[in-house]
Amino acid sequence: MPNKNGNGSQGGGMGKMGGNSLGAGGECVCTDCGHREPHQRGQPCTEKECPQCGKRMTRG
């Protein structure tokens, strides 16, 4: 069935995961003290402790 653009494709051109995948890049951020460091592939930010304050980090 054609979409509003008149073609049959339904993807938004955002890649395999619809553009919501964070991928290998980005940063891990401490929500407590604001420390940032590069995200490392295969290691979720939520499993890392902030080297400055010891709290869990999040993806930012």
PDB file of N, CA and C in Angstrom:
ATOM      1  N   MET A   1       0.845  -1.179   0.000  1.00  0.00           N
ATOM      2  CA  MET A   1       0.000   0.000   0.000  1.00  0.00           C
ATOM      3  C   MET A   1       0.893   1.246   0.000  1.00  0.00           C
ATOM      4  N   PRO A   2       0.644   2.180  -0.877  1.00  0.00           N
ATOM      5  CA  PRO A   2       1.467   3.391  -0.940  1.00  0.00           C
ATOM      6  C   PRO A   2       1.293   4.257   0.298  1.00  0.00           C
ATOM      7  N   ASN A   3       2.386   4.908   0.696  1.00  0.00           N
ATOM      8  CA  ASN A   3       2.285   5.829   1.825  1.00  0.00           C
ATOM      9  C   ASN A   3       1.983   7.234   1.305  1.00  0.00           C
ATOM     10  N   LYS A   4       2.011   8.236   2.147  1.00  0.00           N
ATOM     11  CA  LYS A   4       1.633   9.585   1.733  1.00  0.00           C
ATOM     12  C   LYS A   4       2.574  10.179   0.691  1.00  0.00           C
ATOM     13  N   ASN A   5       3.774   9.602   0.537  1.00  0.00           N
ATOM     14  CA  ASN A   5       4.707  10.077  -0.481  1.00  0.00           C
ATOM     15  C   ASN A   5       4.473   9.420  -1.831  1.00  0.00           C
ATOM     16  N   GLY A   6       3.533   8.467  -1.882  1.00  0.00           N
ATOM     17  CA  GLY A   6       3.188   7.849  -3.145  1.00  0.00           C
ATOM     18  C   GLY A   6       4.023   6.634  -3.502  1.00  0.00           C
ATOM     19  N   ASN A   7       4.906   6.210  -2.628  1.00  0.00           N
ATOM     20  CA  ASN A   7       5.640   4.994  -2.932  1.00  0.00           C
ATOM     21  C   ASN A   7       5.273   3.910  -1.919  1.00  0.00           C
ATOM     22  N   GLY A   8       5.727   2.710  -2.167  1.00  0.00           N
ATOM     23  CA  GLY A   8       5.339   1.590  -1.325  1.00  0.00           C
ATOM     24  C   GLY A   8       6.255   1.338  -0.152  1.00  0.00           C
ATOM     25  N   SER A   9       7.337   2.081  -0.025  1.00  0.00           N
ATOM     26  CA  SER A   9       8.250   1.807   1.086  1.00  0.00           C
ATOM     27  C   SER A   9       7.670   2.360   2.383  1.00  0.00           C
ATOM     28  N   GLN A  10       7.957   1.661   3.473  1.00  0.00           N
ATOM     29  CA  GLN A  10       7.447   2.111   4.758  1.00  0.00           C
ATOM     30  C   GLN A  10       8.562   2.584   5.668  1.00  0.00           C
ATOM     31  N   GLY A  11       9.805   2.309   5.326  1.00  0.00           N
ATOM     32  CA  GLY A  11      10.922   2.729   6.161  1.00  0.00           C
ATOM     33  C   GLY A  11      11.152   4.221   6.054  1.00  0.00           C
ATOM     34  N   GLY A  12      11.697   4.777   7.093  1.00  0.00           N
ATOM     35  CA  GLY A  12      11.968   6.207   7.101  1.00  0.00           C
ATOM     36  C   GLY A  12      13.388   6.528   6.676  1.00  0.00           C
ATOM     37  N   GLY A  13      14.119   5.514   6.198  1.00  0.00           N
ATOM     38  CA  GLY A  13      15.485   5.752   5.800  1.00  0.00           C
ATOM     39  C   GLY A  13      16.419   5.950   6.979  1.00  0.00           C
ATOM     40  N   MET A  14      16.025   5.490   8.140  1.00  0.00           N
ATOM     41  CA  MET A  14      16.805   5.702   9.349  1.00  0.00           C
ATOM     42  C   MET A  14      17.638   4.482   9.725  1.00  0.00           C
ATOM     43  N   GLY A  15      17.706   3.482   8.869  1.00  0.00           N
ATOM     44  CA  GLY A  15      18.504   2.307   9.181  1.00  0.00           C
ATOM     45  C   GLY A  15      17.663   1.176   9.727  1.00  0.00           C
ATOM     46  N   LYS A  16      18.359   0.133  10.052  1.00  0.00           N
ATOM     47  CA  LYS A  16      17.747  -1.120  10.456  1.00  0.00           C
ATOM     48  C   LYS A  16      16.884  -1.003  11.712  1.00  0.00           C
ATOM     49  N   MET A  17      17.280  -0.170  12.646  1.00  0.00           N
ATOM     50  CA  MET A  17      16.567  -0.069  13.916  1.00  0.00           C
ATOM     51  C   MET A  17      15.651   1.151  13.972  1.00  0.00           C
ATOM     52  N   GLY A  18      15.357   1.751  12.850  1.00  0.00           N
ATOM     53  CA  GLY A  18      14.443   2.878  12.820  1.00  0.00           C
ATOM     54  C   GLY A  18      15.034   4.177  13.348  1.00  0.00           C
ATOM     55  N   GLY A  19      16.347   4.231  13.493  1.00  0.00           N
ATOM     56  CA  GLY A  19      16.987   5.445  13.955  1.00  0.00           C
ATOM     57  C   GLY A  19      17.039   5.586  15.465  1.00  0.00           C
ATOM     58  N   ASN A  20      16.529   4.607  16.204  1.00  0.00           N
ATOM     59  CA  ASN A  20      16.511   4.704  17.658  1.00  0.00           C
ATOM     60  C   ASN A  20      17.691   4.011  18.321  1.00  0.00           C
ATOM     61  N   SER A  21      18.459   3.269  17.560  1.00  0.00           N
ATOM     62  CA  SER A  21      19.599   2.558  18.126  1.00  0.00           C
ATOM     63  C   SER A  21      20.712   3.546  18.446  1.00  0.00           C
ATOM     64  N   LEU A  22      21.308   3.415  19.617  1.00  0.00           N
ATOM     65  CA  LEU A  22      22.367   4.323  20.016  1.00  0.00           C
ATOM     66  C   LEU A  22      23.697   3.941  19.394  1.00  0.00           C
ATOM     67  N   GLY A  23      23.880   2.678  19.049  1.00  0.00           N
ATOM     68  CA  GLY A  23      25.092   2.249  18.365  1.00  0.00           C
ATOM     69  C   GLY A  23      26.313   2.250  19.254  1.00  0.00           C
ATOM     70  N   ALA A  24      27.467   2.204  18.606  1.00  0.00           N
ATOM     71  CA  ALA A  24      28.724   2.066  19.325  1.00  0.00           C
ATOM     72  C   ALA A  24      29.265   3.399  19.825  1.00  0.00           C
ATOM     73  N   GLY A  25      28.849   4.498  19.233  1.00  0.00           N
ATOM     74  CA  GLY A  25      29.367   5.801  19.639  1.00  0.00           C
ATOM     75  C   GLY A  25      28.669   6.328  20.868  1.00  0.00           C
ATOM     76  N   GLY A  26      28.836   7.592  21.127  1.00  0.00           N
ATOM     77  CA  GLY A  26      28.157   8.230  22.245  1.00  0.00           C
ATOM     78  C   GLY A  26      28.994   8.262  23.499  1.00  0.00           C
ATOM     79  N   GLU A  27      28.341   8.620  24.578  1.00  0.00           N
ATOM     80  CA  GLU A  27      29.030   8.785  25.852  1.00  0.00           C
ATOM     81  C   GLU A  27      28.246   8.130  26.977  1.00  0.00           C
ATOM     82  N   CYS A  28      28.963   7.795  28.028  1.00  0.00           N
ATOM     83  CA  CYS A  28      28.357   7.416  29.293  1.00  0.00           C
ATOM     84  C   CYS A  28      28.440   8.649  30.184  1.00  0.00           C
ATOM     85  N   VAL A  29      27.331   8.935  30.883  1.00  0.00           N
ATOM     86  CA  VAL A  29      27.238  10.150  31.681  1.00  0.00           C
ATOM     87  C   VAL A  29      26.802   9.797  33.099  1.00  0.00           C
ATOM     88  N   CYS A  30      27.442  10.418  34.065  1.00  0.00           N
ATOM     89  CA  CYS A  30      27.015  10.273  35.453  1.00  0.00           C
ATOM     90  C   CYS A  30      25.946  11.319  35.716  1.00  0.00           C
ATOM     91  N   THR A  31      24.762  10.873  36.111  1.00  0.00           N
ATOM     92  CA  THR A  31      23.675  11.817  36.370  1.00  0.00           C
ATOM     93  C   THR A  31      23.841  12.507  37.717  1.00  0.00           C
ATOM     94  N   ASP A  32      24.783  12.029  38.529  1.00  0.00           N
ATOM     95  CA  ASP A  32      25.001  12.638  39.837  1.00  0.00           C
ATOM     96  C   ASP A  32      25.986  13.803  39.761  1.00  0.00           C
ATOM     97  N   CYS A  33      27.188  13.540  39.194  1.00  0.00           N
ATOM     98  CA  CYS A  33      28.212  14.593  39.173  1.00  0.00           C
ATOM     99  C   CYS A  33      28.477  15.173  37.779  1.00  0.00           C
ATOM    100  N   GLY A  34      27.918  14.553  36.727  1.00  0.00           N
ATOM    101  CA  GLY A  34      28.066  15.084  35.381  1.00  0.00           C
ATOM    102  C   GLY A  34      29.291  14.595  34.620  1.00  0.00           C
ATOM    103  N   HIS A  35      30.098  13.704  35.217  1.00  0.00           N
ATOM    104  CA  HIS A  35      31.278  13.169  34.521  1.00  0.00           C
ATOM    105  C   HIS A  35      30.850  12.449  33.250  1.00  0.00           C
ATOM    106  N   ARG A  36      31.631  12.643  32.177  1.00  0.00           N
ATOM    107  CA  ARG A  36      31.358  12.000  30.883  1.00  0.00           C
ATOM    108  C   ARG A  36      32.586  11.244  30.422  1.00  0.00           C
ATOM    109  N   GLU A  37      32.343  10.105  29.773  1.00  0.00           N
ATOM    110  CA  GLU A  37      33.429   9.377  29.140  1.00  0.00           C
ATOM    111  C   GLU A  37      32.878   8.613  27.950  1.00  0.00           C
ATOM    112  N   PRO A  38      33.720   8.288  26.966  1.00  0.00           N
ATOM    113  CA  PRO A  38      33.244   7.612  25.765  1.00  0.00           C
ATOM    114  C   PRO A  38      32.625   6.245  26.080  1.00  0.00           C
ATOM    115  N   HIS A  39      31.528   5.945  25.399  1.00  0.00           N
ATOM    116  CA  HIS A  39      30.905   4.629  25.532  1.00  0.00           C
ATOM    117  C   HIS A  39      31.783   3.594  24.848  1.00  0.00           C
ATOM    118  N   GLN A  40      31.930   2.438  25.476  1.00  0.00           N
ATOM    119  CA  GLN A  40      32.704   1.355  24.893  1.00  0.00           C
ATOM    120  C   GLN A  40      31.755   0.245  24.466  1.00  0.00           C
ATOM    121  N   ARG A  41      31.884  -0.156  23.220  1.00  0.00           N
ATOM    122  CA  ARG A  41      31.021  -1.192  22.658  1.00  0.00           C
ATOM    123  C   ARG A  41      31.103  -2.459  23.504  1.00  0.00           C
ATOM    124  N   GLY A  42      29.954  -3.034  23.778  1.00  0.00           N
ATOM    125  CA  GLY A  42      29.878  -4.268  24.545  1.00  0.00           C
ATOM    126  C   GLY A  42      29.825  -4.073  26.048  1.00  0.00           C
ATOM    127  N   GLN A  43      29.943  -2.838  26.518  1.00  0.00           N
ATOM    128  CA  GLN A  43      29.866  -2.553  27.949  1.00  0.00           C
ATOM    129  C   GLN A  43      28.788  -1.498  28.184  1.00  0.00           C
ATOM    130  N   PRO A  44      27.609  -1.924  28.629  1.00  0.00           N
ATOM    131  CA  PRO A  44      26.537  -0.956  28.862  1.00  0.00           C
ATOM    132  C   PRO A  44      26.938   0.095  29.891  1.00  0.00           C
ATOM    133  N   CYS A  45      26.564   1.318  29.636  1.00  0.00           N
ATOM    134  CA  CYS A  45      26.882   2.411  30.556  1.00  0.00           C
ATOM    135  C   CYS A  45      26.300   2.145  31.942  1.00  0.00           C
ATOM    136  N   THR A  46      25.146   1.507  32.002  1.00  0.00           N
ATOM    137  CA  THR A  46      24.490   1.259  33.282  1.00  0.00           C
ATOM    138  C   THR A  46      25.255   0.258  34.141  1.00  0.00           C
ATOM    139  N   GLU A  47      26.222  -0.429  33.565  1.00  0.00           N
ATOM    140  CA  GLU A  47      27.048  -1.360  34.328  1.00  0.00           C
ATOM    141  C   GLU A  47      28.373  -0.731  34.762  1.00  0.00           C
ATOM    142  N   LYS A  48      28.594   0.516  34.385  1.00  0.00           N
ATOM    143  CA  LYS A  48      29.827   1.213  34.753  1.00  0.00           C
ATOM    144  C   LYS A  48      29.590   2.103  35.962  1.00  0.00           C
ATOM    145  N   GLU A  49      30.609   2.208  36.803  1.00  0.00           N
ATOM    146  CA  GLU A  49      30.562   3.139  37.922  1.00  0.00           C
ATOM    147  C   GLU A  49      31.359   4.382  37.555  1.00  0.00           C
ATOM    148  N   CYS A  50      30.870   5.515  37.966  1.00  0.00           N
ATOM    149  CA  CYS A  50      31.558   6.775  37.726  1.00  0.00           C
ATOM    150  C   CYS A  50      32.887   6.767  38.478  1.00  0.00           C
ATOM    151  N   PRO A  51      34.001   7.070  37.799  1.00  0.00           N
ATOM    152  CA  PRO A  51      35.291   7.074  38.468  1.00  0.00           C
ATOM    153  C   PRO A  51      35.452   8.237  39.466  1.00  0.00           C
ATOM    154  N   GLN A  52      34.564   9.224  39.387  1.00  0.00           N
ATOM    155  CA  GLN A  52      34.673  10.377  40.298  1.00  0.00           C
ATOM    156  C   GLN A  52      33.835  10.229  41.563  1.00  0.00           C
ATOM    157  N   CYS A  53      32.623   9.686  41.424  1.00  0.00           N
ATOM    158  CA  CYS A  53      31.754   9.624  42.601  1.00  0.00           C
ATOM    159  C   CYS A  53      31.257   8.219  42.927  1.00  0.00           C
ATOM    160  N   GLY A  54      31.449   7.255  42.020  1.00  0.00           N
ATOM    161  CA  GLY A  54      31.072   5.875  42.290  1.00  0.00           C
ATOM    162  C   GLY A  54      29.636   5.506  41.965  1.00  0.00           C
ATOM    163  N   LYS A  55      28.840   6.459  41.487  1.00  0.00           N
ATOM    164  CA  LYS A  55      27.448   6.166  41.119  1.00  0.00           C
ATOM    165  C   LYS A  55      27.406   5.480  39.763  1.00  0.00           C
ATOM    166  N   ARG A  56      26.281   4.831  39.460  1.00  0.00           N
ATOM    167  CA  ARG A  56      26.098   4.197  38.159  1.00  0.00           C
ATOM    168  C   ARG A  56      25.924   5.265  37.091  1.00  0.00           C
ATOM    169  N   MET A  57      26.419   4.958  35.898  1.00  0.00           N
ATOM    170  CA  MET A  57      26.333   5.900  34.789  1.00  0.00           C
ATOM    171  C   MET A  57      25.161   5.534  33.894  1.00  0.00           C
ATOM    172  N   THR A  58      24.831   6.421  32.965  1.00  0.00           N
ATOM    173  CA  THR A  58      23.762   6.191  32.019  1.00  0.00           C
ATOM    174  C   THR A  58      24.249   6.626  30.638  1.00  0.00           C
ATOM    175  N   ARG A  59      23.527   6.221  29.609  1.00  0.00           N
ATOM    176  CA  ARG A  59      23.890   6.592  28.247  1.00  0.00           C
ATOM    177  C   ARG A  59      23.431   8.002  27.963  1.00  0.00           C
ATOM    178  N   GLY A  60      24.321   8.810  27.415  1.00  0.00           N
ATOM    179  CA  GLY A  60      23.924  10.195  27.160  1.00  0.00           C
ATOM    180  C   GLY A  60      24.271  10.682  25.807  1.00  0.00           C
TER     181      GLY A  60
END
